[in-house]
Amino acid sequence: MDYLTLALLISFVVGSLISIFGIRNSNSSKYPPGPSPFPIIGNILQLGTQPHHSLTNLSKTYGPIMTLKLANITTIVISSPQIAREVLQKNDQIFSSRTIPNAARAHDHHILSMIWMPPSAQWRVLRRVCATKVFSSQKLDSTQTIRQRKVQELVNHVGDCCKKGEAFDIGEAAFTAVLNSISNTFFSLDLGQYGSDKAQELKHIIWGIMEEIGRPNVVDFFPILGLLDPQRVRARLNTYFEKLISFFDGLIDERLRLKASEMESKGCNDVLDSLIQVMMEENSQVSRSHLLHLFLDLFVAGIDTTSSTVEWAMAELLCNPEKLDKVRQELQLALNKGEEFEESHILKLPFLKAVVKETLRLHPPAPFLIPHKSEEDVELCGFEVPKNAQILINVWAMGRDSSVWENPNQFMPERFLESEIDFKGHDFELIPFGAGRRICPGLPLANRTVHVTLASILHCYDWKLPNGLKPENMDMSEKFGITLQKALPLQAIPIKN
């Protein structure tokens, strides 16, 4: 019997004995409706292996604002754009803290990470650094040639597979392209080669981090088990974090040696240079530890979410050949033959932009965003939300809500051609990157990278499924972590125009 099963069994038995004595929570009737919890364990068993599906189904019974008890954690699940706006815009300050999973405490990441720390003065400093030194329009414009070069290397790799008539793993290729794009933007170096073991090792580490943080962990429900770490989740995160932090630490050491050397006449003018300058300013509020954990956040989240979005978009297009033809026709009309796709072309391609929006609607990178936490008791839609309640925004459910979207389970990019709805955080029907003060800071880079990567491989090649696979028979199942991955890697064969 594993630790989780044992803990749940003991808790259930103890809770059942307690329930005999009629101990009840008198405040529970003030909370939003929800399924009746078991004693002690609450609604844990109702999460299942695909919590975004389970909670979406429960919301059909209990409504768009719903209460779950996950052991001792009161959890409020939001499944509608209107209530999400109340949480992330109207009451943004109250709900801007985080519920910290035990796994995120590895290497004190929760203390130093911009993602997990509360909206404190230190958080505002790091947020401002990201906005001005990493993701500003000026910075992204100055590094677009780097991304263009890395995407062209992806196109060349596709060309090699095309000559051989081979199917290849689109998610793996997209991962390598995004990995090198971000590593060159940040550090001026490549970290992967197509088909290399190193790229696969990094993919294993990055997905391992996302999977472990998103994994249901008995310690989060029963903190008394924290020292035991019975599922070894935090232990595995410690190993993953150690590898990446040691790597980033070595890059900082090397850059500092270069700066101290007379051989170094000018900086690399990359993100690492910019952030080291911030760190070395007099009375800087950004320490070396902050930099290491900031790189951990940006590197892991940026690569995983961007590459998986490209894979999901390609999967949906291969599932819907008429949409694939339409986006390729648009690209052929907008670009001259042999012309490389550039970021400036994005504005000329409304259907490509619609494809990306539709992909993010159906496959948001983080189905619940990052959990929020209530800083005080607050009334929401006539219900009480208690202080310290965990707030889950089920953007996966919102993207498939038939009251918001016509034919919500169908891939229909055309729905966005006559709509002003965008994913920048203002339209709450589509908030895959969040909204309010906790919106994903990397959205500007993700927006550019997804469009350029997807457009480049669609413009240069037509595509077909391998082994006579029919679009209607494609496996589109998901693998749940803090982000959603395609469970079965997408294989496709490129065909030269």
Protein backbone atom coordinates (compact mmCIF):
# COMPACT_ATOMS: atom_id res chain seq x y z
CA MET A 1 0.00 0.00 0.00
CA ASP A 2 1.52 3.40 -1.00
CA TYR A 3 1.80 6.33 1.39
CA LEU A 4 -1.04 8.28 -0.22
CA THR A 5 -3.49 5.40 0.05
CA LEU A 6 -2.45 4.74 3.66
CA ALA A 7 -2.79 8.39 4.64
CA LEU A 8 -6.22 8.66 3.05
CA LEU A 9 -7.36 5.43 4.69
CA ILE A 10 -6.24 6.50 8.16
CA SER A 11 -7.74 9.95 7.68
CA PHE A 12 -11.03 8.47 6.52
CA VAL A 13 -11.27 6.14 9.50
CA VAL A 14 -10.38 8.87 11.99
CA GLY A 15 -12.72 11.31 10.27
CA SER A 16 -15.57 8.82 10.32
CA LEU A 17 -15.16 8.42 14.07
CA ILE A 18 -15.15 12.18 14.50
CA SER A 19 -18.27 12.52 12.37
CA ILE A 20 -20.12 10.18 14.72
CA PHE A 21 -19.96 12.94 17.32
CA GLY A 22 -21.59 15.38 14.95
CA ILE A 23 -18.78 17.90 14.69
CA ARG A 24 -19.71 20.24 11.81
CA ASN A 25 -18.44 23.49 10.35
CA SER A 26 -21.13 26.09 10.99
CA ASN A 27 -19.62 28.46 8.40
CA SER A 28 -19.82 26.02 5.50
CA SER A 29 -23.37 27.07 4.57
CA LYS A 30 -22.11 30.59 3.81
CA TYR A 31 -19.66 29.32 1.25
CA PRO A 32 -20.45 28.68 -2.43
CA PRO A 33 -22.18 25.32 -3.04
CA GLY A 34 -20.21 22.19 -3.71
CA PRO A 35 -20.17 18.41 -3.32
CA SER A 36 -20.44 17.06 0.19
CA PRO A 37 -16.97 16.30 1.54
CA PHE A 38 -15.93 13.11 3.27
CA PRO A 39 -14.67 13.57 6.82
CA ILE A 40 -11.03 14.71 6.95
CA ILE A 41 -10.14 13.94 3.32
CA GLY A 42 -12.90 16.16 1.97
CA ASN A 43 -13.28 16.01 -1.82
CA ILE A 44 -9.76 14.79 -2.65
CA LEU A 45 -10.98 11.58 -4.26
CA GLN A 46 -13.20 13.57 -6.62
CA LEU A 47 -10.20 15.24 -8.27
CA GLY A 48 -9.25 12.08 -10.19
CA THR A 49 -6.30 11.90 -12.57
CA GLN A 50 -7.65 14.73 -14.76
CA PRO A 51 -8.74 17.40 -12.24
CA HIS A 52 -9.62 19.97 -14.92
CA HIS A 53 -12.15 17.52 -16.38
CA SER A 54 -13.47 16.49 -12.95
CA LEU A 55 -13.98 20.05 -11.71
CA THR A 56 -15.58 21.10 -14.99
CA ASN A 57 -18.12 18.29 -14.63
CA LEU A 58 -18.78 19.22 -11.00
CA SER A 59 -19.35 22.86 -11.95
CA LYS A 60 -22.21 21.76 -14.21
CA THR A 61 -23.97 20.59 -11.06
CA TYR A 62 -22.88 23.17 -8.49
CA GLY A 63 -22.38 26.27 -10.61
CA PRO A 64 -19.57 28.56 -11.79
CA ILE A 65 -18.43 29.31 -8.23
CA MET A 66 -18.01 26.17 -6.19
CA THR A 67 -16.47 25.09 -2.88
CA LEU A 68 -14.34 21.99 -2.39
CA LYS A 69 -12.68 20.81 0.79
CA LEU A 70 -9.31 19.28 -0.02
CA ALA A 71 -8.55 17.93 3.45
CA ASN A 72 -8.00 21.15 5.47
CA ILE A 73 -7.81 23.43 2.41
CA THR A 74 -10.97 25.31 1.50
CA THR A 75 -10.82 25.65 -2.28
CA ILE A 76 -13.03 27.93 -4.35
CA VAL A 77 -13.25 26.95 -8.01
CA ILE A 78 -14.19 29.65 -10.54
CA SER A 79 -15.50 28.48 -13.93
CA SER A 80 -16.99 31.57 -15.57
CA PRO A 81 -15.47 34.71 -17.17
CA GLN A 82 -17.75 37.02 -15.17
CA ILE A 83 -16.64 35.66 -11.78
CA ALA A 84 -13.02 35.42 -12.93
CA ARG A 85 -13.21 39.17 -13.62
CA GLU A 86 -14.47 39.72 -10.06
CA VAL A 87 -11.48 37.81 -8.70
CA LEU A 88 -8.67 38.98 -10.99
CA GLN A 89 -9.76 42.55 -11.66
CA LYS A 90 -12.26 43.96 -9.16
CA ASN A 91 -10.75 42.16 -6.13
CA ASP A 92 -7.28 41.75 -7.58
CA GLN A 93 -5.44 42.92 -4.47
CA ILE A 94 -7.29 40.56 -2.12
CA PHE A 95 -6.69 37.53 -4.34
CA SER A 96 -3.13 38.26 -5.50
CA SER A 97 -1.27 35.97 -3.10
CA ARG A 98 -0.46 32.33 -3.83
CA THR A 99 -1.28 28.99 -2.29
CA ILE A 100 2.18 27.39 -2.06
CA PRO A 101 2.40 23.67 -2.90
CA ASN A 102 4.93 21.82 -0.78
CA ALA A 103 6.89 20.93 -3.90
CA ALA A 104 7.59 24.63 -4.60
CA ARG A 105 9.41 24.87 -1.27
CA ALA A 106 12.34 22.89 -2.69
CA HIS A 107 15.51 25.00 -2.60
CA ASP A 108 13.45 27.77 -0.91
CA HIS A 109 12.01 28.48 -4.33
CA HIS A 110 8.77 29.81 -2.84
CA ILE A 111 10.74 32.54 -1.03
CA LEU A 112 12.84 33.67 -3.99
CA SER A 113 10.55 32.99 -6.93
CA MET A 114 8.56 35.80 -8.53
CA ILE A 115 5.83 33.25 -9.36
CA TRP A 116 5.27 32.11 -5.79
CA MET A 117 6.24 35.03 -3.52
CA PRO A 118 3.45 37.33 -2.27
CA PRO A 119 2.92 40.71 -4.00
CA SER A 120 5.51 42.38 -1.78
CA ALA A 121 8.02 45.16 -2.46
CA GLN A 122 10.51 42.50 -3.56
CA TRP A 123 7.98 41.01 -5.96
CA ARG A 124 7.38 44.45 -7.48
CA VAL A 125 11.12 44.91 -8.00
CA LEU A 126 11.42 41.58 -9.84
CA ARG A 127 8.29 42.27 -11.84
CA ARG A 128 9.68 45.65 -12.92
CA VAL A 129 13.00 44.05 -13.88
CA CYS A 130 11.15 41.56 -16.10
CA ALA A 131 9.07 44.30 -17.70
CA THR A 132 12.06 46.53 -18.51
CA LYS A 133 15.05 44.18 -18.93
CA VAL A 134 13.53 40.99 -20.33
CA PHE A 135 10.12 41.44 -21.99
CA SER A 136 9.92 45.08 -23.05
CA SER A 137 9.07 45.75 -26.69
CA GLN A 138 12.46 47.39 -27.18
CA LYS A 139 14.30 44.37 -25.77
CA LEU A 140 12.25 41.89 -27.80
CA ASP A 141 12.70 43.92 -30.99
CA SER A 142 16.47 43.91 -30.46
CA THR A 143 16.55 40.10 -30.14
CA GLN A 144 14.12 39.13 -32.89
CA THR A 145 16.96 38.21 -35.30
CA ILE A 146 18.08 35.60 -32.77
CA ARG A 147 14.63 34.01 -32.72
CA GLN A 148 14.46 34.19 -36.50
CA ARG A 149 17.77 32.34 -36.79
CA LYS A 150 16.68 29.61 -34.40
CA VAL A 151 13.38 29.13 -36.23
CA GLN A 152 15.26 28.85 -39.52
CA GLU A 153 17.32 26.05 -37.98
CA LEU A 154 14.03 24.32 -37.15
CA VAL A 155 12.91 24.76 -40.77
CA ASN A 156 16.22 23.25 -41.94
CA HIS A 157 15.69 20.28 -39.62
CA VAL A 158 12.19 19.80 -41.03
CA GLY A 159 13.76 19.90 -44.49
CA ASP A 160 16.15 17.08 -43.61
CA CYS A 161 13.22 14.94 -42.42
CA CYS A 162 11.29 15.86 -45.57
CA LYS A 163 14.09 14.62 -47.83
CA LYS A 164 14.08 11.29 -46.00
CA GLY A 165 10.29 11.07 -46.05
CA GLU A 166 10.37 10.50 -42.30
CA ALA A 167 7.82 11.29 -39.65
CA PHE A 168 9.24 13.19 -36.73
CA ASP A 169 8.16 14.32 -33.27
CA ILE A 170 6.79 17.85 -33.65
CA GLY A 171 6.70 18.51 -29.90
CA GLU A 172 10.34 17.48 -29.51
CA ALA A 173 11.43 19.63 -32.47
CA ALA A 174 9.41 22.62 -31.20
CA PHE A 175 10.94 22.14 -27.75
CA THR A 176 14.47 22.27 -29.18
CA ALA A 177 13.68 25.35 -31.27
CA VAL A 178 12.13 27.21 -28.33
CA LEU A 179 14.91 26.02 -26.00
CA ASN A 180 17.58 27.49 -28.29
CA SER A 181 15.56 30.63 -28.97
CA ILE A 182 15.18 31.39 -25.26
CA SER A 183 18.71 30.26 -24.29
CA ASN A 184 20.20 32.54 -26.96
CA THR A 185 17.96 35.45 -25.93
CA PHE A 186 18.93 34.96 -22.29
CA PHE A 187 22.50 33.59 -22.44
CA SER A 188 23.75 33.86 -26.06
CA LEU A 189 24.21 30.11 -26.47
CA ASP A 190 22.48 27.00 -27.79
CA LEU A 191 21.45 24.36 -25.29
CA GLY A 192 20.04 21.74 -27.64
CA GLN A 193 20.52 20.03 -30.96
CA TYR A 194 17.80 18.24 -32.87
CA GLY A 195 17.70 14.62 -31.80
CA SER A 196 20.38 15.14 -29.15
CA ASP A 197 20.41 13.50 -25.74
CA LYS A 198 21.08 16.88 -24.09
CA ALA A 199 17.88 18.41 -25.44
CA GLN A 200 15.95 15.35 -24.28
CA GLU A 201 17.51 15.55 -20.81
CA LEU A 202 16.49 19.19 -20.47
CA LYS A 203 12.98 18.36 -21.69
CA HIS A 204 12.81 15.60 -19.06
CA ILE A 205 13.89 18.03 -16.32
CA ILE A 206 11.53 20.82 -17.38
CA TRP A 207 8.49 18.59 -17.79
CA GLY A 208 9.45 16.81 -14.55
CA ILE A 209 9.28 20.15 -12.71
CA MET A 210 5.88 21.03 -14.18
CA GLU A 211 4.52 17.55 -13.51
CA GLU A 212 5.73 17.38 -9.89
CA ILE A 213 4.39 20.83 -8.97
CA GLY A 214 1.04 19.97 -10.54
CA ARG A 215 0.87 16.48 -9.05
CA PRO A 216 -1.68 15.94 -6.22
CA ASN A 217 0.56 15.66 -3.16
CA VAL A 218 -0.65 14.25 0.15
CA VAL A 219 1.59 16.75 2.00
CA ASP A 220 -0.41 19.66 0.61
CA PHE A 221 -3.55 18.16 2.12
CA PHE A 222 -1.92 16.98 5.36
CA PRO A 223 0.99 19.33 6.22
CA ILE A 224 1.89 17.20 9.26
CA LEU A 225 3.48 14.79 6.76
CA GLY A 226 5.76 17.51 5.38
CA LEU A 227 8.99 16.27 6.94
CA LEU A 228 8.36 12.76 5.65
CA ASP A 229 7.66 13.84 2.06
CA PRO A 230 6.01 10.42 1.58
CA GLN A 231 5.58 10.68 -2.20
CA ARG A 232 9.13 12.08 -2.59
CA VAL A 233 7.75 14.96 -4.65
CA ARG A 234 9.89 17.62 -2.96
CA ALA A 235 12.95 15.35 -3.13
CA ARG A 236 12.58 15.01 -6.89
CA LEU A 237 12.08 18.77 -7.24
CA ASN A 238 15.24 19.35 -5.20
CA THR A 239 17.16 17.24 -7.72
CA TYR A 240 15.68 19.03 -10.74
CA PHE A 241 16.19 22.49 -9.22
CA GLU A 242 19.75 21.68 -8.21
CA LYS A 243 20.69 20.77 -11.78
CA LEU A 244 19.24 23.93 -13.32
CA ILE A 245 20.39 26.32 -10.58
CA SER A 246 23.95 24.94 -10.75
CA PHE A 247 23.89 25.44 -14.51
CA PHE A 248 22.65 29.05 -14.22
CA ASP A 249 25.17 29.73 -11.45
CA GLY A 250 27.98 28.58 -13.73
CA LEU A 251 26.78 30.91 -16.49
CA ILE A 252 26.81 33.86 -14.09
CA ASP A 253 30.35 32.97 -12.94
CA GLU A 254 31.57 32.73 -16.52
CA ARG A 255 30.01 36.06 -17.50
CA LEU A 256 31.49 37.78 -14.45
CA ARG A 257 34.93 36.41 -15.39
CA LEU A 258 34.50 37.80 -18.89
CA LYS A 259 33.50 41.19 -17.53
CA ALA A 260 36.60 41.25 -15.32
CA SER A 261 38.86 40.27 -18.22
CA GLU A 262 40.61 42.81 -20.41
CA MET A 263 39.69 40.58 -23.37
CA GLU A 264 36.07 41.52 -22.93
CA SER A 265 35.51 44.72 -24.91
CA LYS A 266 31.74 44.75 -24.93
CA GLY A 267 28.96 42.75 -23.35
CA CYS A 268 26.83 40.17 -25.07
CA ASN A 269 23.86 42.53 -24.69
CA ASP A 270 21.64 39.62 -23.72
CA VAL A 271 19.29 39.20 -20.78
CA LEU A 272 22.05 37.78 -18.58
CA ASP A 273 24.16 40.90 -19.14
CA SER A 274 21.22 43.17 -18.34
CA LEU A 275 20.32 41.33 -15.14
CA ILE A 276 23.92 41.12 -13.92
CA GLN A 277 24.09 44.91 -14.30
CA VAL A 278 20.98 45.21 -12.14
CA MET A 279 22.47 42.82 -9.56
CA MET A 280 25.74 44.82 -9.36
CA GLU A 281 24.10 48.20 -8.90
CA GLU A 282 24.76 49.89 -5.59
CA ASN A 283 22.08 48.97 -3.03
CA SER A 284 20.50 46.62 -5.54
CA GLN A 285 17.40 44.81 -4.35
CA VAL A 286 18.12 41.94 -6.73
CA SER A 287 20.53 39.36 -5.31
CA ARG A 288 22.29 36.53 -7.08
CA SER A 289 19.80 34.10 -5.54
CA HIS A 290 16.94 36.14 -6.98
CA LEU A 291 18.55 35.93 -10.42
CA LEU A 292 19.01 32.16 -10.21
CA HIS A 293 15.39 31.58 -9.27
CA LEU A 294 14.16 34.14 -11.79
CA PHE A 295 15.97 32.26 -14.56
CA LEU A 296 14.46 29.04 -13.21
CA ASP A 297 10.95 30.53 -13.49
CA LEU A 298 11.40 32.12 -16.91
CA PHE A 299 13.33 29.27 -18.45
CA VAL A 300 11.09 26.43 -17.31
CA ALA A 301 7.72 28.11 -17.78
CA GLY A 302 8.66 29.83 -21.05
CA ILE A 303 9.98 26.76 -22.84
CA ASP A 304 7.32 24.32 -21.66
CA THR A 305 4.24 26.42 -22.36
CA THR A 306 5.45 27.79 -25.70
CA SER A 307 6.56 24.49 -27.21
CA SER A 308 3.44 22.65 -26.02
CA THR A 309 1.20 25.34 -27.57
CA VAL A 310 2.95 24.86 -30.94
CA GLU A 311 2.44 21.09 -30.66
CA TRP A 312 -1.25 21.45 -29.77
CA ALA A 313 -1.80 23.90 -32.65
CA MET A 314 -0.20 21.48 -35.13
CA ALA A 315 -2.24 18.61 -33.70
CA GLU A 316 -5.50 20.54 -34.13
CA LEU A 317 -4.59 21.56 -37.69
CA LEU A 318 -3.75 17.98 -38.65
CA CYS A 319 -7.06 16.93 -37.10
CA ASN A 320 -8.80 19.53 -39.26
CA PRO A 321 -7.17 19.46 -42.72
CA GLU A 322 -9.43 22.19 -44.12
CA LYS A 323 -8.12 24.60 -41.44
CA LEU A 324 -4.56 23.55 -42.26
CA ASP A 325 -5.15 24.35 -45.93
CA LYS A 326 -6.68 27.71 -45.05
CA VAL A 327 -3.79 28.89 -42.88
CA ARG A 328 -1.23 27.73 -45.46
CA GLN A 329 -3.07 29.61 -48.22
CA GLU A 330 -3.02 32.75 -46.08
CA LEU A 331 0.74 32.38 -45.57
CA GLN A 332 1.36 31.89 -49.30
CA LEU A 333 -0.58 35.06 -50.13
CA ALA A 334 1.12 37.16 -47.43
CA LEU A 335 4.72 36.06 -48.11
CA ASN A 336 6.70 35.92 -51.32
CA LYS A 337 8.10 32.57 -52.42
CA GLY A 338 11.27 31.80 -50.48
CA GLU A 339 10.71 34.71 -48.07
CA GLU A 340 11.42 33.91 -44.43
CA PHE A 341 8.69 34.57 -41.91
CA GLU A 342 9.40 37.52 -39.61
CA GLU A 343 7.62 38.80 -36.53
CA SER A 344 6.38 41.83 -38.46
CA HIS A 345 4.34 39.49 -40.68
CA ILE A 346 2.09 38.45 -37.78
CA LEU A 347 -0.16 41.48 -38.23
CA LYS A 348 -0.89 40.43 -41.84
CA LEU A 349 -2.16 36.99 -40.85
CA PRO A 350 -5.57 37.13 -39.14
CA PHE A 351 -6.32 33.44 -39.64
CA LEU A 352 -2.97 32.35 -38.17
CA LYS A 353 -3.67 34.58 -35.16
CA ALA A 354 -7.14 33.01 -34.90
CA VAL A 355 -5.57 29.52 -34.96
CA VAL A 356 -3.34 30.44 -32.01
CA LYS A 357 -6.26 31.91 -30.05
CA GLU A 358 -8.40 28.84 -30.72
CA THR A 359 -5.56 26.56 -29.63
CA LEU A 360 -5.17 28.50 -26.37
CA ARG A 361 -8.95 28.35 -25.82
CA LEU A 362 -9.05 24.56 -26.13
CA HIS A 363 -5.62 23.82 -24.65
CA PRO A 364 -4.65 26.53 -22.15
CA PRO A 365 -1.06 25.90 -20.98
CA ALA A 366 -2.07 26.00 -17.30
CA PRO A 367 -5.68 24.74 -16.93
CA PHE A 368 -6.09 26.32 -13.46
CA LEU A 369 -3.50 29.09 -13.90
CA ILE A 370 -1.28 29.31 -10.79
CA PRO A 371 -3.42 28.97 -7.62
CA HIS A 372 -4.40 32.25 -5.96
CA LYS A 373 -5.17 32.76 -2.26
CA SER A 374 -7.59 35.03 -0.46
CA GLU A 375 -5.84 37.46 1.90
CA GLU A 376 -9.00 38.17 3.89
CA ASP A 377 -12.63 37.18 4.25
CA VAL A 378 -14.49 38.60 1.27
CA GLU A 379 -17.94 38.40 -0.29
CA LEU A 380 -18.03 37.12 -3.85
CA CYS A 381 -21.28 36.78 -5.79
CA GLY A 382 -23.26 36.72 -2.56
CA PHE A 383 -21.11 34.01 -0.97
CA GLU A 384 -18.40 34.19 1.66
CA VAL A 385 -14.85 33.33 0.61
CA PRO A 386 -12.80 32.78 3.78
CA LYS A 387 -9.32 34.11 4.42
CA ASN A 388 -6.58 31.74 3.16
CA ALA A 389 -8.95 29.95 0.78
CA GLN A 390 -7.28 28.57 -2.32
CA ILE A 391 -8.70 30.03 -5.55
CA LEU A 392 -8.58 27.96 -8.73
CA ILE A 393 -9.54 29.67 -12.00
CA ASN A 394 -10.63 26.84 -14.28
CA VAL A 395 -9.73 28.44 -17.63
CA TRP A 396 -10.02 25.01 -19.28
CA ALA A 397 -13.71 24.94 -18.32
CA MET A 398 -14.22 28.55 -19.40
CA GLY A 399 -12.83 27.74 -22.83
CA ARG A 400 -15.39 24.95 -23.28
CA ASP A 401 -18.43 26.72 -21.85
CA SER A 402 -21.38 26.50 -24.26
CA SER A 403 -22.87 29.69 -22.78
CA VAL A 404 -19.76 31.57 -23.90
CA TRP A 405 -18.69 29.73 -27.06
CA GLU A 406 -20.73 28.25 -29.89
CA ASN A 407 -19.82 24.58 -30.46
CA PRO A 408 -17.18 24.86 -27.73
CA ASN A 409 -15.55 21.46 -28.31
CA GLN A 410 -14.92 22.09 -32.00
CA PHE A 411 -11.73 23.64 -33.37
CA MET A 412 -13.13 26.71 -35.15
CA PRO A 413 -10.53 29.50 -35.58
CA GLU A 414 -13.09 31.40 -37.68
CA ARG A 415 -14.91 32.36 -34.47
CA PHE A 416 -12.12 34.90 -33.79
CA LEU A 417 -12.09 36.53 -37.24
CA GLU A 418 -15.08 38.74 -36.43
CA SER A 419 -14.22 39.05 -32.74
CA GLU A 420 -11.97 41.46 -30.85
CA ILE A 421 -11.37 38.91 -28.09
CA ASP A 422 -7.66 38.43 -27.37
CA PHE A 423 -5.57 36.59 -24.76
CA LYS A 424 -3.73 39.66 -23.39
CA GLY A 425 -5.65 39.67 -20.08
CA HIS A 426 -8.49 42.12 -20.87
CA ASP A 427 -11.06 39.66 -22.24
CA PHE A 428 -11.93 37.22 -19.49
CA GLU A 429 -13.46 34.71 -21.89
CA LEU A 430 -9.85 33.91 -22.91
CA ILE A 431 -7.21 34.28 -20.20
CA PRO A 432 -4.73 31.40 -20.73
CA PHE A 433 -1.94 33.63 -19.33
CA GLY A 434 -4.01 34.97 -16.45
CA ALA A 435 -5.03 38.59 -15.84
CA GLY A 436 -4.46 41.39 -13.38
CA ARG A 437 -1.26 41.96 -11.47
CA ARG A 438 -0.38 38.24 -11.62
CA ILE A 439 -0.64 37.92 -15.40
CA CYS A 440 2.23 35.92 -16.90
CA PRO A 441 5.12 38.38 -17.48
CA GLY A 442 6.42 36.29 -20.39
CA LEU A 443 3.27 36.72 -22.49
CA PRO A 444 4.91 39.17 -24.99
CA LEU A 445 7.74 36.72 -25.78
CA ALA A 446 5.40 33.70 -25.90
CA ASN A 447 3.11 35.56 -28.30
CA ARG A 448 5.93 36.24 -30.75
CA THR A 449 7.59 32.84 -30.45
CA VAL A 450 4.44 30.75 -30.95
CA HIS A 451 3.36 32.67 -34.06
CA VAL A 452 6.80 32.70 -35.69
CA THR A 453 7.52 29.03 -35.00
CA LEU A 454 4.11 27.82 -36.16
CA ALA A 455 4.01 30.02 -39.26
CA SER A 456 7.52 29.07 -40.38
CA ILE A 457 6.94 25.33 -40.46
CA LEU A 458 3.50 25.75 -42.05
CA HIS A 459 4.73 28.15 -44.73
CA CYS A 460 7.60 25.97 -45.94
CA TYR A 461 5.93 22.55 -45.85
CA ASP A 462 2.66 20.77 -46.18
CA TRP A 463 1.99 18.03 -43.63
CA LYS A 464 0.42 14.60 -43.39
CA LEU A 465 -0.09 12.00 -40.69
CA PRO A 466 2.10 8.85 -40.75
CA ASN A 467 1.11 5.24 -41.37
CA GLY A 468 -2.19 6.12 -43.02
CA LEU A 469 -3.58 7.54 -39.77
CA LYS A 470 -6.88 9.34 -40.31
CA PRO A 471 -7.43 12.76 -38.65
CA GLU A 472 -10.54 11.50 -36.87
CA ASN A 473 -8.47 8.71 -35.25
CA MET A 474 -5.78 10.97 -33.76
CA ASP A 475 -5.14 10.60 -30.04
CA MET A 476 -5.73 14.03 -28.50
CA SER A 477 -5.60 12.98 -24.85
CA GLU A 478 -3.79 15.11 -22.28
CA LYS A 479 -1.15 14.53 -19.64
CA PHE A 480 -1.93 16.64 -16.56
CA GLY A 481 0.63 18.63 -14.62
CA ILE A 482 0.67 22.29 -13.66
CA THR A 483 0.65 22.57 -17.47
CA LEU A 484 -1.11 20.36 -20.01
CA GLN A 485 0.98 18.25 -22.37
CA LYS A 486 -0.17 16.08 -25.23
CA ALA A 487 -0.17 12.55 -23.79
CA LEU A 488 0.96 10.91 -27.03
CA PRO A 489 3.70 12.85 -28.88
CA LEU A 490 2.58 14.21 -32.24
CA GLN A 491 4.23 12.52 -35.22
CA ALA A 492 3.86 14.03 -38.71
CA ILE A 493 5.53 13.90 -42.12
CA PRO A 494 6.54 17.16 -43.85
CA ILE A 495 5.97 17.42 -47.60
CA LYS A 496 7.80 19.97 -49.72
CA ASN A 497 5.57 22.50 -51.49
